[in-house]
C-alpha atoms as a PDB file:
ATOM      1  CA  MET A   1      -7.571 -21.137   6.595  1.00  0.00           C
ATOM      2  CA  ILE A   2      -6.942 -20.528   2.672  1.00  0.00           C
ATOM      3  CA  TYR A   3      -9.250 -18.295   0.998  1.00  0.00           C
ATOM      4  CA  LEU A   4      -7.213 -17.240  -1.941  1.00  0.00           C
ATOM      5  CA  LYS A   5      -6.299 -20.766  -3.661  1.00  0.00           C
ATOM      6  CA  GLU A   6      -4.590 -19.360  -7.107  1.00  0.00           C
ATOM      7  CA  VAL A   7      -3.953 -16.205  -9.260  1.00  0.00           C
ATOM      8  CA  ASN A   8      -3.448 -16.887 -12.972  1.00  0.00           C
ATOM      9  CA  ILE A   9      -1.580 -14.563 -15.201  1.00  0.00           C
ATOM     10  CA  HIS A  10      -3.009 -14.070 -18.664  1.00  0.00           C
ATOM     11  CA  SER A  11      -0.305 -12.511 -20.750  1.00  0.00           C
ATOM     12  CA  LYS A  12      -2.102 -13.026 -24.258  1.00  0.00           C
ATOM     13  CA  LYS A  13      -4.196 -10.264 -22.412  1.00  0.00           C
ATOM     14  CA  PHE A  14      -1.581  -7.698 -22.105  1.00  0.00           C
ATOM     15  CA  PRO A  15      -2.507  -4.905 -23.687  1.00  0.00           C
ATOM     16  CA  VAL A  16       1.286  -3.756 -24.810  1.00  0.00           C
ATOM     17  CA  LEU A  17       4.662  -5.267 -23.996  1.00  0.00           C
ATOM     18  CA  ASN A  18       6.554  -2.127 -24.074  1.00  0.00           C
ATOM     19  CA  PHE A  19       5.225  -0.494 -20.820  1.00  0.00           C
ATOM     20  CA  TYR A  20       5.619  -1.238 -17.318  1.00  0.00           C
ATOM     21  CA  PRO A  21       4.432  -3.917 -15.954  1.00  0.00           C
ATOM     22  CA  PHE A  22       3.526  -5.765 -19.112  1.00  0.00           C
ATOM     23  CA  ASN A  23       7.179  -5.581 -20.611  1.00  0.00           C
ATOM     24  CA  MET A  24       8.552  -7.659 -17.869  1.00  0.00           C
ATOM     25  CA  LYS A  25       9.498 -10.839 -18.743  1.00  0.00           C
ATOM     26  CA  ILE A  26       8.651 -12.507 -15.117  1.00  0.00           C
ATOM     27  CA  PHE A  27       4.862 -11.834 -15.706  1.00  0.00           C
ATOM     28  CA  GLN A  28       5.203 -12.803 -19.356  1.00  0.00           C
ATOM     29  CA  ASN A  29       6.524 -15.873 -18.181  1.00  0.00           C
ATOM     30  CA  THR A  30       4.674 -16.837 -15.145  1.00  0.00           C
ATOM     31  CA  LYS A  31       1.532 -18.539 -15.488  1.00  0.00           C
ATOM     32  CA  LYS A  32      -0.006 -19.160 -12.232  1.00  0.00           C
ATOM     33  CA  ILE A  33       1.064 -18.974  -8.669  1.00  0.00           C
ATOM     34  CA  LYS A  34      -1.093 -21.169  -6.093  1.00  0.00           C
ATOM     35  CA  PHE A  35      -1.676 -20.436  -2.600  1.00  0.00           C
ATOM     36  CA  ASN A  36      -1.633 -23.528  -0.397  1.00  0.00           C
ATOM     37  CA  ASN A  37      -0.433 -21.669   3.042  1.00  0.00           C
ATOM     38  CA  PRO A  38      -2.340 -19.421   5.404  1.00  0.00           C
ATOM     39  CA  VAL A  39       0.807 -17.233   4.882  1.00  0.00           C
ATOM     40  CA  THR A  40       2.591 -16.176   1.499  1.00  0.00           C
ATOM     41  CA  LEU A  41       5.521 -14.312   0.937  1.00  0.00           C
ATOM     42  CA  PHE A  42       6.771 -12.481  -2.205  1.00  0.00           C
ATOM     43  CA  ILE A  43      10.637 -11.682  -2.332  1.00  0.00           C
ATOM     44  CA  GLY A  44      13.041 -10.012  -4.752  1.00  0.00           C
ATOM     45  CA  GLU A  45      15.251  -6.937  -5.234  1.00  0.00           C
ATOM     46  CA  ASN A  46      13.687  -3.362  -5.955  1.00  0.00           C
ATOM     47  CA  GLY A  47      11.967  -3.257  -9.446  1.00  0.00           C
ATOM     48  CA  THR A  48      11.064  -7.240  -9.752  1.00  0.00           C
ATOM     49  CA  GLY A  49       7.574  -6.397  -9.495  1.00  0.00           C
ATOM     50  CA  LYS A  50       6.664  -8.143  -6.389  1.00  0.00           C
ATOM     51  CA  SER A  51       4.809  -5.091  -5.296  1.00  0.00           C
ATOM     52  CA  THR A  52       2.995  -4.224  -8.510  1.00  0.00           C
ATOM     53  CA  LEU A  53       1.767  -8.126  -8.488  1.00  0.00           C
ATOM     54  CA  LEU A  54       0.569  -7.523  -4.647  1.00  0.00           C
ATOM     55  CA  LYS A  55      -1.616  -4.415  -5.772  1.00  0.00           C
ATOM     56  CA  ALA A  56      -3.035  -6.201  -8.966  1.00  0.00           C
ATOM     57  CA  ILE A  57      -4.261  -9.303  -6.872  1.00  0.00           C
ATOM     58  CA  ALA A  58      -5.646  -7.008  -3.908  1.00  0.00           C
ATOM     59  CA  TYR A  59      -7.477  -5.179  -6.632  1.00  0.00           C
ATOM     60  CA  LYS A  60      -8.938  -8.444  -8.413  1.00  0.00           C
ATOM     61  CA  CYS A  61      -9.901  -9.395  -5.077  1.00  0.00           C
ATOM     62  CA  GLY A  62     -12.291  -6.480  -4.782  1.00  0.00           C
ATOM     63  CA  ILE A  63      -9.899  -4.884  -1.779  1.00  0.00           C
ATOM     64  CA  HIS A  64      -9.850  -1.186  -1.840  1.00  0.00           C
ATOM     65  CA  ILE A  65      -6.266   0.254  -1.661  1.00  0.00           C
ATOM     66  CA  TRP A  66      -6.117   3.726  -0.288  1.00  0.00           C
ATOM     67  CA  GLN A  67      -4.566   6.274  -3.143  1.00  0.00           C
ATOM     68  CA  SER A  68      -2.895   9.443  -2.138  1.00  0.00           C
ATOM     69  CA  GLU A  69      -4.378  12.624  -3.619  1.00  0.00           C
ATOM     70  CA  PHE A  70      -1.232  13.831  -4.660  1.00  0.00           C
ATOM     71  CA  ASN A  71       0.192  11.239  -7.124  1.00  0.00           C
ATOM     72  CA  LEU A  72       1.368  13.504  -9.781  1.00  0.00           C
ATOM     73  CA  ARG A  73       3.778  12.592 -12.293  1.00  0.00           C
ATOM     74  CA  CYS A  74       5.590  14.084 -15.160  1.00  0.00           C
ATOM     75  CA  GLU A  75       5.915  11.350 -16.980  1.00  0.00           C
ATOM     76  CA  LYS A  76       2.614   9.405 -16.636  1.00  0.00           C
ATOM     77  CA  ASN A  77       2.154   5.745 -17.376  1.00  0.00           C
ATOM     78  CA  PRO A  78      -1.274   4.649 -18.626  1.00  0.00           C
ATOM     79  CA  TYR A  79      -1.122   0.870 -17.935  1.00  0.00           C
ATOM     80  CA  GLU A  80       0.835   1.610 -14.478  1.00  0.00           C
ATOM     81  CA  GLU A  81      -2.187   0.267 -12.381  1.00  0.00           C
ATOM     82  CA  ASP A  82      -3.631  -2.158 -15.153  1.00  0.00           C
ATOM     83  CA  LEU A  83      -2.049  -5.707 -14.588  1.00  0.00           C
ATOM     84  CA  TYR A  84      -5.364  -6.804 -12.498  1.00  0.00           C
ATOM     85  CA  LYS A  85      -7.172  -6.590 -15.484  1.00  0.00           C
ATOM     86  CA  THR A  86      -5.303  -9.379 -16.976  1.00  0.00           C
ATOM     87  CA  ILE A  87      -5.232 -11.988 -14.054  1.00  0.00           C
ATOM     88  CA  SER A  88      -7.932 -14.271 -12.614  1.00  0.00           C
ATOM     89  CA  VAL A  89      -8.153 -15.711  -8.969  1.00  0.00           C
ATOM     90  CA  LYS A  90      -9.827 -18.841  -7.720  1.00  0.00           C
ATOM     91  CA  TRP A  91     -11.440 -18.982  -4.498  1.00  0.00           C
ATOM     92  CA  GLU A  92     -11.695 -21.973  -1.814  1.00  0.00           C
ATOM     93  CA  ASP A  93     -14.936 -21.383  -1.134  1.00  0.00           C
ATOM     94  CA  GLY A  94     -15.873 -17.669  -2.220  1.00  0.00           C
ATOM     95  CA  GLN A  95     -14.876 -14.083  -2.029  1.00  0.00           C
ATOM     96  CA  VAL A  96     -13.912 -12.778   1.219  1.00  0.00           C
ATOM     97  CA  PRO A  97     -13.297  -9.350   2.462  1.00  0.00           C
ATOM     98  CA  GLY A  98      -9.818  -7.905   3.903  1.00  0.00           C
ATOM     99  CA  SER A  99      -7.457  -5.125   3.237  1.00  0.00           C
ATOM    100  CA  PHE A 100      -4.376  -3.683   1.786  1.00  0.00           C
ATOM    101  CA  PHE A 101      -1.350  -2.409   4.067  1.00  0.00           C
ATOM    102  CA  GLY A 102       1.342  -0.173   2.838  1.00  0.00           C
ATOM    103  CA  SER A 103       3.589   2.173   5.170  1.00  0.00           C
ATOM    104  CA  GLN A 104       2.449   5.372   3.050  1.00  0.00           C
ATOM    105  CA  ILE A 105      -1.288   4.271   3.070  1.00  0.00           C
ATOM    106  CA  PHE A 106      -1.087   3.555   7.084  1.00  0.00           C
ATOM    107  CA  SER A 107       0.024   7.109   7.527  1.00  0.00           C
ATOM    108  CA  HIS A 108      -3.059   8.670   5.856  1.00  0.00           C
ATOM    109  CA  PHE A 109      -5.690   6.561   7.439  1.00  0.00           C
ATOM    110  CA  ALA A 110      -3.907   7.169  10.848  1.00  0.00           C
ATOM    111  CA  LYS A 111      -4.804  11.157  10.299  1.00  0.00           C
ATOM    112  CA  ASN A 112      -8.062  10.019   8.844  1.00  0.00           C
ATOM    113  CA  LEU A 113      -9.027   8.002  11.942  1.00  0.00           C
ATOM    114  CA  GLU A 114      -7.864  11.182  14.195  1.00  0.00           C
ATOM    115  CA  GLU A 115     -10.211  13.402  12.795  1.00  0.00           C
ATOM    116  CA  TRP A 116     -13.203  10.989  12.615  1.00  0.00           C
ATOM    117  CA  ALA A 117     -12.443  10.075  16.324  1.00  0.00           C
ATOM    118  CA  ILE A 118     -13.285  13.803  17.063  1.00  0.00           C
ATOM    119  CA  ASN A 119     -16.535  13.313  16.856  1.00  0.00           C
ATOM    120  CA  ASP A 120     -16.923   9.689  17.696  1.00  0.00           C
ATOM    121  CA  THR A 121     -13.784   8.524  20.449  1.00  0.00           C
ATOM    122  CA  GLY A 122     -15.214   4.818  20.199  1.00  0.00           C
ATOM    123  CA  MET A 123     -13.964   4.580  16.915  1.00  0.00           C
ATOM    124  CA  LEU A 124     -10.624   4.106  18.283  1.00  0.00           C
ATOM    125  CA  ASN A 125     -11.725   1.077  20.175  1.00  0.00           C
ATOM    126  CA  TYR A 126     -11.398  -0.977  17.057  1.00  0.00           C
ATOM    127  CA  PHE A 127      -7.915  -0.251  17.173  1.00  0.00           C
ATOM    128  CA  GLY A 128      -6.253  -0.264  20.425  1.00  0.00           C
ATOM    129  CA  GLY A 129      -8.026   2.139  22.202  1.00  0.00           C
ATOM    130  CA  LYS A 130      -5.243   4.612  21.544  1.00  0.00           C
ATOM    131  CA  SER A 131      -4.514   7.478  19.316  1.00  0.00           C
ATOM    132  CA  LEU A 132      -2.560   5.701  16.441  1.00  0.00           C
ATOM    133  CA  ILE A 133      -0.845   9.313  15.885  1.00  0.00           C
ATOM    134  CA  THR A 134       0.425   9.827  19.332  1.00  0.00           C
ATOM    135  CA  GLN A 135       1.961   6.685  19.476  1.00  0.00           C
ATOM    136  CA  SER A 136       5.395   6.048  17.922  1.00  0.00           C
ATOM    137  CA  HIS A 137       4.987   4.705  14.211  1.00  0.00           C
ATOM    138  CA  GLY A 138       6.139   1.301  15.372  1.00  0.00           C
ATOM    139  CA  GLN A 139       3.721   1.116  18.328  1.00  0.00           C
ATOM    140  CA  SER A 140       0.793   2.253  16.006  1.00  0.00           C
ATOM    141  CA  LEU A 141       1.765  -0.029  13.268  1.00  0.00           C
ATOM    142  CA  MET A 142       1.464  -3.082  16.051  1.00  0.00           C
ATOM    143  CA  SER A 143      -1.769  -1.494  17.379  1.00  0.00           C
ATOM    144  CA  TYR A 144      -3.812  -1.751  13.900  1.00  0.00           C
ATOM    145  CA  PHE A 145      -1.982  -5.174  13.300  1.00  0.00           C
ATOM    146  CA  GLN A 146      -3.089  -6.561  16.405  1.00  0.00           C
ATOM    147  CA  SER A 147      -6.715  -5.270  15.989  1.00  0.00           C
ATOM    148  CA  ARG A 148      -7.636  -5.631  12.216  1.00  0.00           C
ATOM    149  CA  TYR A 149      -5.870  -9.057  11.955  1.00  0.00           C
ATOM    150  CA  ASN A 150      -8.416 -10.749  14.330  1.00  0.00           C
ATOM    151  CA  ILE A 151     -11.270 -10.395  11.998  1.00  0.00           C
ATOM    152  CA  LYS A 152     -11.449 -12.869   9.664  1.00  0.00           C
ATOM    153  CA  GLY A 153     -10.162 -11.574   5.846  1.00  0.00           C
ATOM    154  CA  LEU A 154      -7.716 -11.854   3.227  1.00  0.00           C
ATOM    155  CA  TYR A 155      -4.677  -9.750   4.292  1.00  0.00           C
ATOM    156  CA  PHE A 156      -1.960  -8.103   1.678  1.00  0.00           C
ATOM    157  CA  LEU A 157       0.726  -6.404   3.071  1.00  0.00           C
ATOM    158  CA  ASP A 158       3.669  -4.378   1.195  1.00  0.00           C
ATOM    159  CA  GLU A 159       6.897  -4.214   3.008  1.00  0.00           C
ATOM    160  CA  PRO A 160       5.572  -3.643   6.605  1.00  0.00           C
ATOM    161  CA  GLU A 161       8.553  -4.177   7.862  1.00  0.00           C
ATOM    162  CA  THR A 162       9.628  -0.490   6.712  1.00  0.00           C
ATOM    163  CA  ALA A 163       9.108   1.252  10.581  1.00  0.00           C
ATOM    164  CA  LEU A 164       9.722  -1.626  12.640  1.00  0.00           C
ATOM    165  CA  SER A 165      12.428  -2.448  15.079  1.00  0.00           C
ATOM    166  CA  PRO A 166      13.593  -5.856  15.322  1.00  0.00           C
ATOM    167  CA  SER A 167      11.913  -6.373  18.315  1.00  0.00           C
ATOM    168  CA  SER A 168       8.768  -5.079  16.917  1.00  0.00           C
ATOM    169  CA  LEU A 169       9.107  -7.658  13.681  1.00  0.00           C
ATOM    170  CA  ILE A 170       9.355 -10.500  16.221  1.00  0.00           C
ATOM    171  CA  ASP A 171       6.196  -9.096  17.750  1.00  0.00           C
ATOM    172  CA  LEU A 172       4.542  -9.321  13.829  1.00  0.00           C
ATOM    173  CA  LEU A 173       6.007 -12.315  13.033  1.00  0.00           C
ATOM    174  CA  ASN A 174       4.503 -14.115  16.383  1.00  0.00           C
ATOM    175  CA  LEU A 175       1.217 -12.236  15.609  1.00  0.00           C
ATOM    176  CA  LEU A 176       0.932 -13.778  12.130  1.00  0.00           C
ATOM    177  CA  ILE A 177       2.132 -17.479  13.661  1.00  0.00           C
ATOM    178  CA  LYS A 178      -0.845 -17.152  16.464  1.00  0.00           C
ATOM    179  CA  ILE A 179      -3.658 -15.306  13.680  1.00  0.00           C
ATOM    180  CA  SER A 180      -3.208 -17.900  11.081  1.00  0.00           C
ATOM    181  CA  ALA A 181      -2.966 -20.977  13.320  1.00  0.00           C
ATOM    182  CA  GLN A 182      -6.601 -19.632  14.643  1.00  0.00           C
ATOM    183  CA  GLY A 183      -7.538 -20.177  10.858  1.00  0.00           C
ATOM    184  CA  HIS A 184      -9.706 -17.087  10.140  1.00  0.00           C
ATOM    185  CA  ALA A 185      -6.986 -15.027   8.306  1.00  0.00           C
ATOM    186  CA  GLN A 186      -4.985 -15.423   5.041  1.00  0.00           C
ATOM    187  CA  PHE A 187      -1.996 -13.458   4.427  1.00  0.00           C
ATOM    188  CA  VAL A 188      -0.036 -12.247   1.401  1.00  0.00           C
ATOM    189  CA  ILE A 189       3.068 -10.464   2.081  1.00  0.00           C
ATOM    190  CA  ALA A 190       5.975  -8.484   0.164  1.00  0.00           C
ATOM    191  CA  SER A 191       8.938  -8.376   2.301  1.00  0.00           C
ATOM    192  CA  HIS A 192      12.489  -7.961   2.304  1.00  0.00           C
ATOM    193  CA  SER A 193      12.620  -9.066   6.054  1.00  0.00           C
ATOM    194  CA  PRO A 194      14.506 -12.506   7.264  1.00  0.00           C
ATOM    195  CA  PHE A 195      12.616 -12.484  10.146  1.00  0.00           C
ATOM    196  CA  LEU A 196       9.159 -12.464   8.625  1.00  0.00           C
ATOM    197  CA  LEU A 197      10.611 -14.776   5.990  1.00  0.00           C
ATOM    198  CA  ALA A 198      11.345 -17.373   8.991  1.00  0.00           C
ATOM    199  CA  CYS A 199       7.457 -17.496   9.756  1.00  0.00           C
ATOM    200  CA  PRO A 200       6.972 -21.354   9.845  1.00  0.00           C
ATOM    201  CA  ASP A 201       5.146 -23.115   7.442  1.00  0.00           C
ATOM    202  CA  ALA A 202       4.867 -20.136   4.950  1.00  0.00           C
ATOM    203  CA  ARG A 203       5.070 -20.450   1.381  1.00  0.00           C
ATOM    204  CA  ILE A 204       8.230 -17.922   0.025  1.00  0.00           C
ATOM    205  CA  TYR A 205       7.999 -17.114  -3.868  1.00  0.00           C
ATOM    206  CA  SER A 206      10.956 -15.671  -5.382  1.00  0.00           C
ATOM    207  CA  PHE A 207      10.934 -12.612  -7.963  1.00  0.00           C
ATOM    208  CA  ASP A 208      14.197 -12.867  -8.701  1.00  0.00           C
ATOM    209  CA  THR A 209      14.149 -15.579 -11.104  1.00  0.00           C
ATOM    210  CA  PRO A 210      12.906 -15.869 -14.907  1.00  0.00           C
ATOM    211  CA  THR A 211       9.299 -17.073 -13.351  1.00  0.00           C
ATOM    212  CA  ILE A 212       7.911 -16.649 -10.172  1.00  0.00           C
ATOM    213  CA  GLU A 213       8.873 -19.682  -8.041  1.00  0.00           C
ATOM    214  CA  PRO A 214       8.972 -21.187  -4.347  1.00  0.00           C
ATOM    215  CA  ILE A 215      11.983 -21.123  -2.594  1.00  0.00           C
ATOM    216  CA  GLU A 216      12.915 -22.301   0.703  1.00  0.00           C
ATOM    217  CA  TYR A 217      14.013 -19.902   3.875  1.00  0.00           C
ATOM    218  CA  GLU A 218      17.604 -20.805   4.082  1.00  0.00           C
ATOM    219  CA  ASP A 219      18.187 -20.457   0.445  1.00  0.00           C
ATOM    220  CA  THR A 220      17.114 -16.922   0.048  1.00  0.00           C
ATOM    221  CA  GLN A 221      19.750 -14.175  -0.222  1.00  0.00           C
ATOM    222  CA  TYR A 222      18.264 -12.506   2.884  1.00  0.00           C
ATOM    223  CA  TYR A 223      18.823 -15.296   5.053  1.00  0.00           C
ATOM    224  CA  LYS A 224      22.510 -15.729   3.202  1.00  0.00           C
ATOM    225  CA  ILE A 225      23.789 -12.091   3.282  1.00  0.00           C
ATOM    226  CA  TYR A 226      22.107 -11.793   7.414  1.00  0.00           C
ATOM    227  CA  LYS A 227      23.811 -15.117   8.407  1.00  0.00           C
ATOM    228  CA  ASN A 228      27.197 -14.251   6.752  1.00  0.00           C
ATOM    229  CA  PHE A 229      26.858 -10.350   8.016  1.00  0.00           C
ATOM    230  CA  MET A 230      26.434 -11.642  11.646  1.00  0.00           C
ATOM    231  CA  GLU A 231      28.898 -14.268  11.386  1.00  0.00           C
ATOM    232  CA  ASN A 232      31.651 -11.996  10.729  1.00  0.00           C
ATOM    233  CA  PRO A 233      30.773  -8.136   9.873  1.00  0.00           C
ATOM    234  CA  ASN A 234      34.040  -7.021   9.094  1.00  0.00           C
ATOM    235  CA  GLU A 235      35.279  -9.531   6.485  1.00  0.00           C
ATOM    236  CA  PHE A 236      31.557  -9.232   4.902  1.00  0.00           C
ATOM    237  CA  ILE A 237      31.778  -5.677   4.411  1.00  0.00           C
ATOM    238  CA  LYS A 238      35.163  -5.906   2.959  1.00  0.00           C
ATOM    239  CA  THR A 239      33.466  -8.614   0.404  1.00  0.00           C
ATOM    240  CA  MET A 240      30.502  -6.345  -0.774  1.00  0.00           C
ATOM    241  CA  PRO A 241      31.033  -4.151  -3.963  1.00  0.00           C
ATOM    242  CA  VAL A 242      30.600  -0.243  -3.489  1.00  0.00           C
ATOM    243  CA  SER A 243      28.352   0.983  -5.753  1.00  0.00           C
END
């Protein structure tokens, strides 16, 4: 199911061009991103803006993003969270609910859920029936994914592979395939994982280009690096520059 059809970036509305994220050429040059698949993946090196745009789209879609109380900065950027104000979204058939996942956000949520469950243990039934903090981090993530994503909605995930083992990543990949085939959920995911990028029929957008452009799985650097490493790890290590 496709709920979110298109995102337009209105660079003429940028309040400044010398503060992040408005100083990034990729946002100045990209006009629109189409969502034609149940699973869309954003890829790119660290600092290319994929997570920033992911959050901006989620905000614009009316999805709450959990914020830590302790977010102190010695140098505050007044425009850091303002990209959503300069984009617009197009829906297929009206707005739908959803959620935003990030590893740090999930850690805060799991602790709060534990406190709520002290007074109402039935709340845990919505997340696999077990306390999320008494399971390993990977197990608790999969319990959350399996329960939350069976609900109709639009789901944003920011690097969900961070705490998952390779086998758990395959479990998440199979879950994405299963749920997207059922037709009630749409996913937009920022990731570095070649496992998740292998999702059949997913659209992959690269942030390593002057504009945000679609790219085939086997053309991604992630695929090439992992493939070359697995085929000949010793030779691959020798060719990698030391930073």
